[in-house]
PDB file of N, CA and C in Angstrom:
ATOM      1  N   MET A   1       3.261  16.895 -34.622  1.00  0.00           N
ATOM      2  CA  MET A   1       4.557  16.351 -34.278  1.00  0.00           C
ATOM      3  C   MET A   1       5.452  16.427 -35.513  1.00  0.00           C
ATOM      4  N   SER A   2       6.671  16.876 -35.293  1.00  0.00           N
ATOM      5  CA  SER A   2       7.598  17.002 -36.409  1.00  0.00           C
ATOM      6  C   SER A   2       8.235  15.653 -36.719  1.00  0.00           C
ATOM      7  N   LEU A   3       8.854  15.571 -37.873  1.00  0.00           N
ATOM      8  CA  LEU A   3       9.515  14.328 -38.271  1.00  0.00           C
ATOM      9  C   LEU A   3      10.700  13.992 -37.371  1.00  0.00           C
ATOM     10  N   SER A   4      11.411  14.997 -36.875  1.00  0.00           N
ATOM     11  CA  SER A   4      12.536  14.715 -35.987  1.00  0.00           C
ATOM     12  C   SER A   4      12.050  14.141 -34.655  1.00  0.00           C
ATOM     13  N   GLY A   5      10.910  14.612 -34.175  1.00  0.00           N
ATOM     14  CA  GLY A   5      10.333  14.054 -32.950  1.00  0.00           C
ATOM     15  C   GLY A   5       9.907  12.613 -33.139  1.00  0.00           C
ATOM     16  N   LEU A   6       9.294  12.340 -34.297  1.00  0.00           N
ATOM     17  CA  LEU A   6       8.890  10.979 -34.608  1.00  0.00           C
ATOM     18  C   LEU A   6      10.107  10.074 -34.745  1.00  0.00           C
ATOM     19  N   GLY A   7      11.173  10.586 -35.331  1.00  0.00           N
ATOM     20  CA  GLY A   7      12.400   9.815 -35.471  1.00  0.00           C
ATOM     21  C   GLY A   7      12.990   9.450 -34.121  1.00  0.00           C
ATOM     22  N   LYS A   8      12.966  10.394 -33.172  1.00  0.00           N
ATOM     23  CA  LYS A   8      13.472  10.119 -31.834  1.00  0.00           C
ATOM     24  C   LYS A   8      12.645   9.047 -31.136  1.00  0.00           C
ATOM     25  N   ILE A   9      11.339   9.103 -31.322  1.00  0.00           N
ATOM     26  CA  ILE A   9      10.459   8.098 -30.722  1.00  0.00           C
ATOM     27  C   ILE A   9      10.750   6.723 -31.312  1.00  0.00           C
ATOM     28  N   LEU A  10      10.931   6.648 -32.620  1.00  0.00           N
ATOM     29  CA  LEU A  10      11.225   5.364 -33.262  1.00  0.00           C
ATOM     30  C   LEU A  10      12.578   4.808 -32.817  1.00  0.00           C
ATOM     31  N   ILE A  11      13.571   5.666 -32.655  1.00  0.00           N
ATOM     32  CA  ILE A  11      14.876   5.212 -32.174  1.00  0.00           C
ATOM     33  C   ILE A  11      14.767   4.683 -30.747  1.00  0.00           C
ATOM     34  N   ALA A  12      14.040   5.396 -29.891  1.00  0.00           N
ATOM     35  CA  ALA A  12      13.852   4.946 -28.512  1.00  0.00           C
ATOM     36  C   ALA A  12      13.112   3.610 -28.462  1.00  0.00           C
ATOM     37  N   ALA A  13      12.085   3.464 -29.303  1.00  0.00           N
ATOM     38  CA  ALA A  13      11.342   2.203 -29.344  1.00  0.00           C
ATOM     39  C   ALA A  13      12.234   1.067 -29.826  1.00  0.00           C
ATOM     40  N   GLY A  14      13.079   1.340 -30.809  1.00  0.00           N
ATOM     41  CA  GLY A  14      13.996   0.322 -31.305  1.00  0.00           C
ATOM     42  C   GLY A  14      14.999  -0.099 -30.254  1.00  0.00           C
ATOM     43  N   LEU A  15      15.538   0.865 -29.513  1.00  0.00           N
ATOM     44  CA  LEU A  15      16.471   0.533 -28.439  1.00  0.00           C
ATOM     45  C   LEU A  15      15.782  -0.270 -27.339  1.00  0.00           C
ATOM     46  N   LEU A  16      14.543   0.083 -27.045  1.00  0.00           N
ATOM     47  CA  LEU A  16      13.782  -0.652 -26.040  1.00  0.00           C
ATOM     48  C   LEU A  16      13.542  -2.094 -26.485  1.00  0.00           C
ATOM     49  N   LEU A  17      13.180  -2.286 -27.738  1.00  0.00           N
ATOM     50  CA  LEU A  17      12.970  -3.637 -28.260  1.00  0.00           C
ATOM     51  C   LEU A  17      14.269  -4.443 -28.282  1.00  0.00           C
ATOM     52  N   ALA A  18      15.373  -3.798 -28.651  1.00  0.00           N
ATOM     53  CA  ALA A  18      16.664  -4.485 -28.660  1.00  0.00           C
ATOM     54  C   ALA A  18      17.060  -4.894 -27.247  1.00  0.00           C
ATOM     55  N   GLY A  19      16.814  -4.022 -26.277  1.00  0.00           N
ATOM     56  CA  GLY A  19      17.109  -4.352 -24.886  1.00  0.00           C
ATOM     57  C   GLY A  19      16.249  -5.504 -24.381  1.00  0.00           C
ATOM     58  N   ALA A  20      14.977  -5.496 -24.756  1.00  0.00           N
ATOM     59  CA  ALA A  20      14.084  -6.591 -24.348  1.00  0.00           C
ATOM     60  C   ALA A  20      14.524  -7.907 -24.984  1.00  0.00           C
ATOM     61  N   GLY A  21      14.956  -7.853 -26.235  1.00  0.00           N
ATOM     62  CA  GLY A  21      15.444  -9.057 -26.899  1.00  0.00           C
ATOM     63  C   GLY A  21      16.701  -9.594 -26.240  1.00  0.00           C
ATOM     64  N   ALA A  22      17.625  -8.712 -25.885  1.00  0.00           N
ATOM     65  CA  ALA A  22      18.851  -9.140 -25.203  1.00  0.00           C
ATOM     66  C   ALA A  22      18.525  -9.747 -23.846  1.00  0.00           C
ATOM     67  N   LEU A  23      17.577  -9.145 -23.143  1.00  0.00           N
ATOM     68  CA  LEU A  23      17.167  -9.682 -21.846  1.00  0.00           C
ATOM     69  C   LEU A  23      16.559 -11.074 -21.992  1.00  0.00           C
ATOM     70  N   LEU A  24      15.747 -11.276 -23.016  1.00  0.00           N
ATOM     71  CA  LEU A  24      15.153 -12.594 -23.246  1.00  0.00           C
ATOM     72  C   LEU A  24      16.220 -13.635 -23.600  1.00  0.00           C
ATOM     73  N   LEU A  25      17.210 -13.229 -24.362  1.00  0.00           N
ATOM     74  CA  LEU A  25      18.308 -14.146 -24.674  1.00  0.00           C
ATOM     75  C   LEU A  25      19.058 -14.558 -23.414  1.00  0.00           C
ATOM     76  N   LEU A  26      19.321 -13.596 -22.543  1.00  0.00           N
ATOM     77  CA  LEU A  26      20.025 -13.911 -21.299  1.00  0.00           C
ATOM     78  C   LEU A  26      19.177 -14.787 -20.382  1.00  0.00           C
ATOM     79  N   LEU A  27      17.891 -14.506 -20.300  1.00  0.00           N
ATOM     80  CA  LEU A  27      17.012 -15.325 -19.470  1.00  0.00           C
ATOM     81  C   LEU A  27      16.893 -16.747 -20.015  1.00  0.00           C
ATOM     82  N   GLY A  28      16.946 -16.885 -21.332  1.00  0.00           N
ATOM     83  CA  GLY A  28      16.873 -18.210 -21.939  1.00  0.00           C
ATOM     84  C   GLY A  28      18.087 -19.058 -21.623  1.00  0.00           C
ATOM     85  N   ARG A  29      19.231 -18.423 -21.427  1.00  0.00           N
ATOM     86  CA  ARG A  29      20.467 -19.151 -21.106  1.00  0.00           C
ATOM     87  C   ARG A  29      20.637 -19.383 -19.617  1.00  0.00           C
ATOM     88  N   SER A  30      19.857 -18.693 -18.788  1.00  0.00           N
ATOM     89  CA  SER A  30      19.999 -18.843 -17.340  1.00  0.00           C
ATOM     90  C   SER A  30      19.268 -20.103 -16.875  1.00  0.00           C
ATOM     91  N   SER A  31      19.476 -20.431 -15.613  1.00  0.00           N
ATOM     92  CA  SER A  31      18.843 -21.630 -15.065  1.00  0.00           C
ATOM     93  C   SER A  31      17.480 -21.330 -14.444  1.00  0.00           C
ATOM     94  N   ILE A  32      16.983 -20.097 -14.620  1.00  0.00           N
ATOM     95  CA  ILE A  32      15.671 -19.741 -14.081  1.00  0.00           C
ATOM     96  C   ILE A  32      14.595 -20.378 -14.964  1.00  0.00           C
ATOM     97  N   PRO A  33      13.720 -21.179 -14.380  1.00  0.00           N
ATOM     98  CA  PRO A  33      12.734 -21.917 -15.193  1.00  0.00           C
ATOM     99  C   PRO A  33      11.487 -21.114 -15.530  1.00  0.00           C
ATOM    100  N   PHE A  34      11.644 -19.900 -16.115  1.00  0.00           N
ATOM    101  CA  PHE A  34      10.461 -19.119 -16.476  1.00  0.00           C
ATOM    102  C   PHE A  34       9.601 -19.911 -17.448  1.00  0.00           C
ATOM    103  N   GLY A  35       8.313 -19.961 -17.164  1.00  0.00           N
ATOM    104  CA  GLY A  35       7.386 -20.718 -17.993  1.00  0.00           C
ATOM    105  C   GLY A  35       7.184 -22.133 -17.497  1.00  0.00           C
ATOM    106  N   ARG A  36       7.993 -22.555 -16.536  1.00  0.00           N
ATOM    107  CA  ARG A  36       7.863 -23.895 -15.972  1.00  0.00           C
ATOM    108  C   ARG A  36       7.809 -23.844 -14.447  1.00  0.00           C
ATOM    109  N   LEU A  37       7.346 -22.717 -13.913  1.00  0.00           N
ATOM    110  CA  LEU A  37       7.246 -22.547 -12.471  1.00  0.00           C
ATOM    111  C   LEU A  37       5.977 -23.221 -11.952  1.00  0.00           C
ATOM    112  N   PRO A  38       5.948 -23.555 -10.655  1.00  0.00           N
ATOM    113  CA  PRO A  38       4.699 -24.069 -10.084  1.00  0.00           C
ATOM    114  C   PRO A  38       3.599 -23.010 -10.222  1.00  0.00           C
ATOM    115  N   GLY A  39       2.472 -23.392 -10.706  1.00  0.00           N
ATOM    116  CA  GLY A  39       1.381 -22.453 -10.941  1.00  0.00           C
ATOM    117  C   GLY A  39       1.223 -22.102 -12.407  1.00  0.00           C
ATOM    118  N   ASP A  40       2.208 -22.434 -13.241  1.00  0.00           N
ATOM    119  CA  ASP A  40       2.089 -22.258 -14.686  1.00  0.00           C
ATOM    120  C   ASP A  40       1.352 -23.487 -15.230  1.00  0.00           C
ATOM    121  N   LEU A  41       0.205 -23.257 -15.829  1.00  0.00           N
ATOM    122  CA  LEU A  41      -0.644 -24.363 -16.264  1.00  0.00           C
ATOM    123  C   LEU A  41      -0.384 -24.731 -17.720  1.00  0.00           C
ATOM    124  N   VAL A  42      -0.289 -26.035 -17.970  1.00  0.00           N
ATOM    125  CA  VAL A  42      -0.178 -26.552 -19.330  1.00  0.00           C
ATOM    126  C   VAL A  42      -1.205 -27.665 -19.469  1.00  0.00           C
ATOM    127  N   VAL A  43      -2.133 -27.490 -20.390  1.00  0.00           N
ATOM    128  CA  VAL A  43      -3.149 -28.502 -20.663  1.00  0.00           C
ATOM    129  C   VAL A  43      -2.921 -28.985 -22.088  1.00  0.00           C
ATOM    130  N   THR A  44      -2.693 -30.288 -22.242  1.00  0.00           N
ATOM    131  CA  THR A  44      -2.431 -30.860 -23.561  1.00  0.00           C
ATOM    132  C   THR A  44      -3.507 -31.898 -23.879  1.00  0.00           C
ATOM    133  N   LYS A  45      -4.161 -31.700 -24.990  1.00  0.00           N
ATOM    134  CA  LYS A  45      -5.136 -32.667 -25.508  1.00  0.00           C
ATOM    135  C   LYS A  45      -4.596 -33.196 -26.825  1.00  0.00           C
ATOM    136  N   LYS A  46      -5.407 -33.857 -27.595  1.00  0.00           N
ATOM    137  CA  LYS A  46      -4.943 -34.488 -28.835  1.00  0.00           C
ATOM    138  C   LYS A  46      -4.191 -33.518 -29.743  1.00  0.00           C
ATOM    139  N   ASN A  47      -4.855 -32.499 -30.229  1.00  0.00           N
ATOM    140  CA  ASN A  47      -4.238 -31.566 -31.168  1.00  0.00           C
ATOM    141  C   ASN A  47      -4.114 -30.147 -30.613  1.00  0.00           C
ATOM    142  N   VAL A  48      -4.358 -29.976 -29.312  1.00  0.00           N
ATOM    143  CA  VAL A  48      -4.381 -28.635 -28.734  1.00  0.00           C
ATOM    144  C   VAL A  48      -3.534 -28.611 -27.465  1.00  0.00           C
ATOM    145  N   THR A  49      -2.719 -27.579 -27.341  1.00  0.00           N
ATOM    146  CA  THR A  49      -1.973 -27.336 -26.105  1.00  0.00           C
ATOM    147  C   THR A  49      -2.293 -25.926 -25.641  1.00  0.00           C
ATOM    148  N   ILE A  50      -2.735 -25.808 -24.397  1.00  0.00           N
ATOM    149  CA  ILE A  50      -3.049 -24.517 -23.802  1.00  0.00           C
ATOM    150  C   ILE A  50      -2.031 -24.259 -22.708  1.00  0.00           C
ATOM    151  N   PHE A  51      -1.378 -23.107 -22.782  1.00  0.00           N
ATOM    152  CA  PHE A  51      -0.335 -22.749 -21.834  1.00  0.00           C
ATOM    153  C   PHE A  51      -0.718 -21.438 -21.168  1.00  0.00           C
ATOM    154  N   ALA A  52      -0.805 -21.426 -19.843  1.00  0.00           N
ATOM    155  CA  ALA A  52      -1.157 -20.224 -19.089  1.00  0.00           C
ATOM    156  C   ALA A  52      -0.134 -20.028 -17.969  1.00  0.00           C
ATOM    157  N   PRO A  53       0.869 -19.174 -18.196  1.00  0.00           N
ATOM    158  CA  PRO A  53       1.946 -18.988 -17.202  1.00  0.00           C
ATOM    159  C   PRO A  53       1.565 -17.994 -16.103  1.00  0.00           C
ATOM    160  N   PHE A  54       0.643 -18.375 -15.237  1.00  0.00           N
ATOM    161  CA  PHE A  54       0.141 -17.454 -14.216  1.00  0.00           C
ATOM    162  C   PHE A  54       1.239 -16.993 -13.261  1.00  0.00           C
ATOM    163  N   THR A  55       2.024 -17.903 -12.724  1.00  0.00           N
ATOM    164  CA  THR A  55       3.069 -17.536 -11.770  1.00  0.00           C
ATOM    165  C   THR A  55       4.125 -16.658 -12.420  1.00  0.00           C
ATOM    166  N   THR A  56       4.529 -16.998 -13.629  1.00  0.00           N
ATOM    167  CA  THR A  56       5.515 -16.199 -14.338  1.00  0.00           C
ATOM    168  C   THR A  56       4.985 -14.786 -14.588  1.00  0.00           C
ATOM    169  N   MET A  57       3.710 -14.665 -14.968  1.00  0.00           N
ATOM    170  CA  MET A  57       3.125 -13.339 -15.203  1.00  0.00           C
ATOM    171  C   MET A  57       3.106 -12.507 -13.931  1.00  0.00           C
ATOM    172  N   ILE A  58       2.817 -13.115 -12.795  1.00  0.00           N
ATOM    173  CA  ILE A  58       2.783 -12.379 -11.531  1.00  0.00           C
ATOM    174  C   ILE A  58       4.181 -11.893 -11.161  1.00  0.00           C
ATOM    175  N   ILE A  59       5.191 -12.754 -11.320  1.00  0.00           N
ATOM    176  CA  ILE A  59       6.570 -12.369 -10.995  1.00  0.00           C
ATOM    177  C   ILE A  59       7.038 -11.241 -11.900  1.00  0.00           C
ATOM    178  N   VAL A  60       6.794 -11.346 -13.188  1.00  0.00           N
ATOM    179  CA  VAL A  60       7.199 -10.290 -14.128  1.00  0.00           C
ATOM    180  C   VAL A  60       6.473  -8.991 -13.801  1.00  0.00           C
ATOM    181  N   SER A  61       5.200  -9.061 -13.451  1.00  0.00           N
ATOM    182  CA  SER A  61       4.429  -7.873 -13.111  1.00  0.00           C
ATOM    183  C   SER A  61       4.988  -7.186 -11.870  1.00  0.00           C
ATOM    184  N   VAL A  62       5.333  -7.945 -10.852  1.00  0.00           N
ATOM    185  CA  VAL A  62       5.878  -7.363  -9.626  1.00  0.00           C
ATOM    186  C   VAL A  62       7.228  -6.712  -9.901  1.00  0.00           C
ATOM    187  N   VAL A  63       8.094  -7.387 -10.648  1.00  0.00           N
ATOM    188  CA  VAL A  63       9.415  -6.841 -10.957  1.00  0.00           C
ATOM    189  C   VAL A  63       9.282  -5.552 -11.773  1.00  0.00           C
ATOM    190  N   LEU A  64       8.427  -5.559 -12.788  1.00  0.00           N
ATOM    191  CA  LEU A  64       8.239  -4.354 -13.599  1.00  0.00           C
ATOM    192  C   LEU A  64       7.632  -3.210 -12.795  1.00  0.00           C
ATOM    193  N   THR A  65       6.726  -3.511 -11.868  1.00  0.00           N
ATOM    194  CA  THR A  65       6.139  -2.479 -11.020  1.00  0.00           C
ATOM    195  C   THR A  65       7.202  -1.828 -10.146  1.00  0.00           C
ATOM    196  N   VAL A  66       8.067  -2.639  -9.556  1.00  0.00           N
ATOM    197  CA  VAL A  66       9.134  -2.096  -8.718  1.00  0.00           C
ATOM    198  C   VAL A  66      10.088  -1.243  -9.543  1.00  0.00           C
ATOM    199  N   VAL A  67      10.483  -1.737 -10.716  1.00  0.00           N
ATOM    200  CA  VAL A  67      11.405  -0.988 -11.577  1.00  0.00           C
ATOM    201  C   VAL A  67      10.780   0.326 -12.020  1.00  0.00           C
ATOM    202  N   MET A  68       9.530   0.308 -12.426  1.00  0.00           N
ATOM    203  CA  MET A  68       8.877   1.532 -12.881  1.00  0.00           C
ATOM    204  C   MET A  68       8.711   2.536 -11.734  1.00  0.00           C
ATOM    205  N   ASN A  69       8.415   2.064 -10.526  1.00  0.00           N
ATOM    206  CA  ASN A  69       8.314   2.960  -9.381  1.00  0.00           C
ATOM    207  C   ASN A  69       9.660   3.596  -9.061  1.00  0.00           C
ATOM    208  N   ILE A  70      10.719   2.820  -9.108  1.00  0.00           N
ATOM    209  CA  ILE A  70      12.060   3.357  -8.858  1.00  0.00           C
ATOM    210  C   ILE A  70      12.410   4.386  -9.921  1.00  0.00           C
ATOM    211  N   LEU A  71      12.144   4.075 -11.187  1.00  0.00           N
ATOM    212  CA  LEU A  71      12.440   5.022 -12.254  1.00  0.00           C
ATOM    213  C   LEU A  71      11.624   6.298 -12.142  1.00  0.00           C
ATOM    214  N   SER A  72      10.353   6.182 -11.784  1.00  0.00           N
ATOM    215  CA  SER A  72       9.512   7.375 -11.689  1.00  0.00           C
ATOM    216  C   SER A  72       9.954   8.267 -10.534  1.00  0.00           C
ATOM    217  N   ARG A  73      10.385   7.679  -9.439  1.00  0.00           N
ATOM    218  CA  ARG A  73      10.874   8.484  -8.314  1.00  0.00           C
ATOM    219  C   ARG A  73      12.228   9.104  -8.629  1.00  0.00           C
ATOM    220  N   TRP A  74      13.039   8.411  -9.407  1.00  0.00           N
ATOM    221  CA  TRP A  74      14.353   8.904  -9.787  1.00  0.00           C
ATOM    222  C   TRP A  74      14.229  10.054 -10.776  1.00  0.00           C
ATOM    223  N   MET A  75      13.235  10.022 -11.657  1.00  0.00           N
ATOM    224  CA  MET A  75      13.054  11.050 -12.665  1.00  0.00           C
ATOM    225  C   MET A  75      12.540  12.364 -12.071  1.00  0.00           C
ATOM    226  N   LYS A  76      11.868  12.322 -10.928  1.00  0.00           N
ATOM    227  CA  LYS A  76      11.301  13.533 -10.337  1.00  0.00           C
ATOM    228  C   LYS A  76      12.356  14.380  -9.769  1.00  0.00           C
TER     229      LYS A  76
END
């Protein structure tokens, strides 16, 4: 792989990370209670807190699957 190819990959990865960060900022300001949905488990003991966002993970997985399927069909 040439250096210009590697540079393009790094730029694409940076844009992807910036987009993900912007999306997280927008989701944080919205009224959608991600991380506090029914089915998201929080267990708190004396010095330990365990957080398992099962419902949130399922919703994100379904949305990403739909988006990736749409993109893959659009690219063909």
